């Protein structure tokens, strides 16, 4: 994922969580808030309760891959918090769930 699509600063992430719109799904939570940039930015968070670092990084890579191949044209910041049940889905199910959440 290119740097311009990453929401990295802690204060930006907290601003999206505090002032953004929250949608709760079975396998993850998405916070979204409009930004003043020309593109969307994403933050993907996985709890330490979900496996070791290898498993968590794999889940983040899969979500980033789904997002980049199906780029949203909206000008919004997204914070995606994955739950433990997310890792048990197939890749196709993960793709369908994430796309349903960010559209």
Protein backbone atom coordinates (compact mmCIF):
# COMPACT_ATOMS: atom_id res chain seq x y z
CA UNK A 1 0.00 0.00 0.00
CA UNK A 2 1.35 3.38 -1.00
CA UNK A 3 2.21 5.86 1.78
CA UNK A 4 -0.45 8.34 0.69
CA UNK A 5 -3.14 5.74 1.46
CA UNK A 6 -1.96 5.05 5.03
CA UNK A 7 -3.42 6.77 8.07
CA UNK A 8 -0.46 6.66 10.45
CA UNK A 9 -0.54 9.50 12.98
CA UNK A 10 -2.11 8.65 16.31
CA UNK A 11 -3.96 11.96 16.57
CA UNK A 12 -5.51 11.42 13.12
CA UNK A 13 -6.62 7.91 14.07
CA UNK A 14 -8.13 9.11 17.35
CA UNK A 15 -9.91 11.92 15.50
CA UNK A 16 -11.53 9.43 13.12
CA UNK A 17 -12.57 7.17 16.01
CA UNK A 18 -13.91 10.05 18.08
CA UNK A 19 -15.72 12.07 15.39
CA UNK A 20 -16.30 9.51 12.65
CA UNK A 21 -19.22 7.26 11.80
CA UNK A 22 -19.00 3.82 13.39
CA UNK A 23 -20.30 0.68 11.70
CA UNK A 24 -20.13 -2.64 13.52
CA UNK A 25 -20.00 -5.85 11.52
CA UNK A 26 -19.71 -9.43 12.69
CA UNK A 27 -15.96 -9.70 12.03
CA UNK A 28 -14.72 -6.10 12.28
CA UNK A 29 -15.55 -2.49 13.12
CA UNK A 30 -15.11 0.38 10.67
CA UNK A 31 -14.86 4.06 11.58
CA UNK A 32 -15.04 6.54 8.71
CA UNK A 33 -14.68 10.29 8.48
CA UNK A 34 -14.36 12.65 5.52
CA UNK A 35 -10.97 14.23 4.88
CA UNK A 36 -9.77 17.23 2.86
CA UNK A 37 -7.32 15.22 0.73
CA UNK A 38 -7.65 13.89 -2.80
CA UNK A 39 -7.71 10.25 -1.73
CA UNK A 40 -8.83 7.86 1.00
CA UNK A 41 -6.53 6.79 3.84
CA UNK A 42 -6.72 3.55 5.82
CA UNK A 43 -5.60 2.28 9.21
CA UNK A 44 -5.88 -1.44 9.93
CA UNK A 45 -5.70 -2.54 13.53
CA UNK A 46 -5.43 -6.12 14.80
CA UNK A 47 -5.46 -7.00 18.49
CA UNK A 48 -2.62 -8.98 20.06
CA UNK A 49 -5.24 -11.51 21.13
CA UNK A 50 -5.39 -12.70 17.51
CA UNK A 51 -2.45 -15.05 17.11
CA UNK A 52 1.20 -14.10 16.92
CA UNK A 53 2.81 -11.35 14.83
CA UNK A 54 2.95 -13.54 11.72
CA UNK A 55 -0.82 -14.13 11.80
CA UNK A 56 -1.63 -10.48 12.52
CA UNK A 57 0.62 -9.23 9.71
CA UNK A 58 -0.92 -11.75 7.29
CA UNK A 59 -4.40 -10.45 8.10
CA UNK A 60 -3.27 -6.85 7.60
CA UNK A 61 -1.62 -7.71 4.28
CA UNK A 62 -4.78 -9.42 3.09
CA UNK A 63 -6.95 -6.43 3.99
CA UNK A 64 -4.50 -4.02 2.33
CA UNK A 65 -4.52 -6.18 -0.81
CA UNK A 66 -8.33 -6.17 -0.92
CA UNK A 67 -8.45 -2.41 -0.46
CA UNK A 68 -5.80 -1.62 -3.08
CA UNK A 69 -7.33 -3.87 -5.75
CA UNK A 70 -10.77 -2.36 -5.15
CA UNK A 71 -9.83 1.23 -4.42
CA UNK A 72 -12.56 3.48 -3.10
CA UNK A 73 -12.83 6.87 -4.80
CA UNK A 74 -14.32 8.58 -1.76
CA UNK A 75 -12.27 11.15 0.16
CA UNK A 76 -12.50 9.53 3.59
CA UNK A 77 -10.30 8.22 6.36
CA UNK A 78 -11.02 4.68 7.53
CA UNK A 79 -10.00 2.88 10.71
CA UNK A 80 -10.64 -0.87 10.45
CA UNK A 81 -10.42 -2.92 13.65
CA UNK A 82 -10.41 -6.67 13.02
CA UNK A 83 -11.91 -9.17 15.48
CA UNK A 84 -10.68 -12.68 16.22
CA UNK A 85 -13.36 -14.31 14.04
CA UNK A 86 -11.96 -12.54 10.95
CA UNK A 87 -9.00 -14.91 10.67
CA UNK A 88 -11.26 -17.95 10.27
CA UNK A 89 -12.92 -16.63 7.10
CA UNK A 90 -11.82 -17.64 3.63
CA UNK A 91 -10.15 -14.97 1.51
CA UNK A 92 -13.24 -14.58 -0.67
CA UNK A 93 -15.43 -14.08 2.41
CA UNK A 94 -12.94 -11.54 3.78
CA UNK A 95 -13.03 -9.68 0.49
CA UNK A 96 -16.84 -9.57 0.40
CA UNK A 97 -17.11 -8.42 4.02
CA UNK A 98 -14.48 -5.66 3.68
CA UNK A 99 -15.94 -4.34 0.42
CA UNK A 100 -19.41 -4.30 1.95
CA UNK A 101 -18.01 -2.30 4.86
CA UNK A 102 -16.10 0.37 2.95
CA UNK A 103 -18.74 1.09 0.31
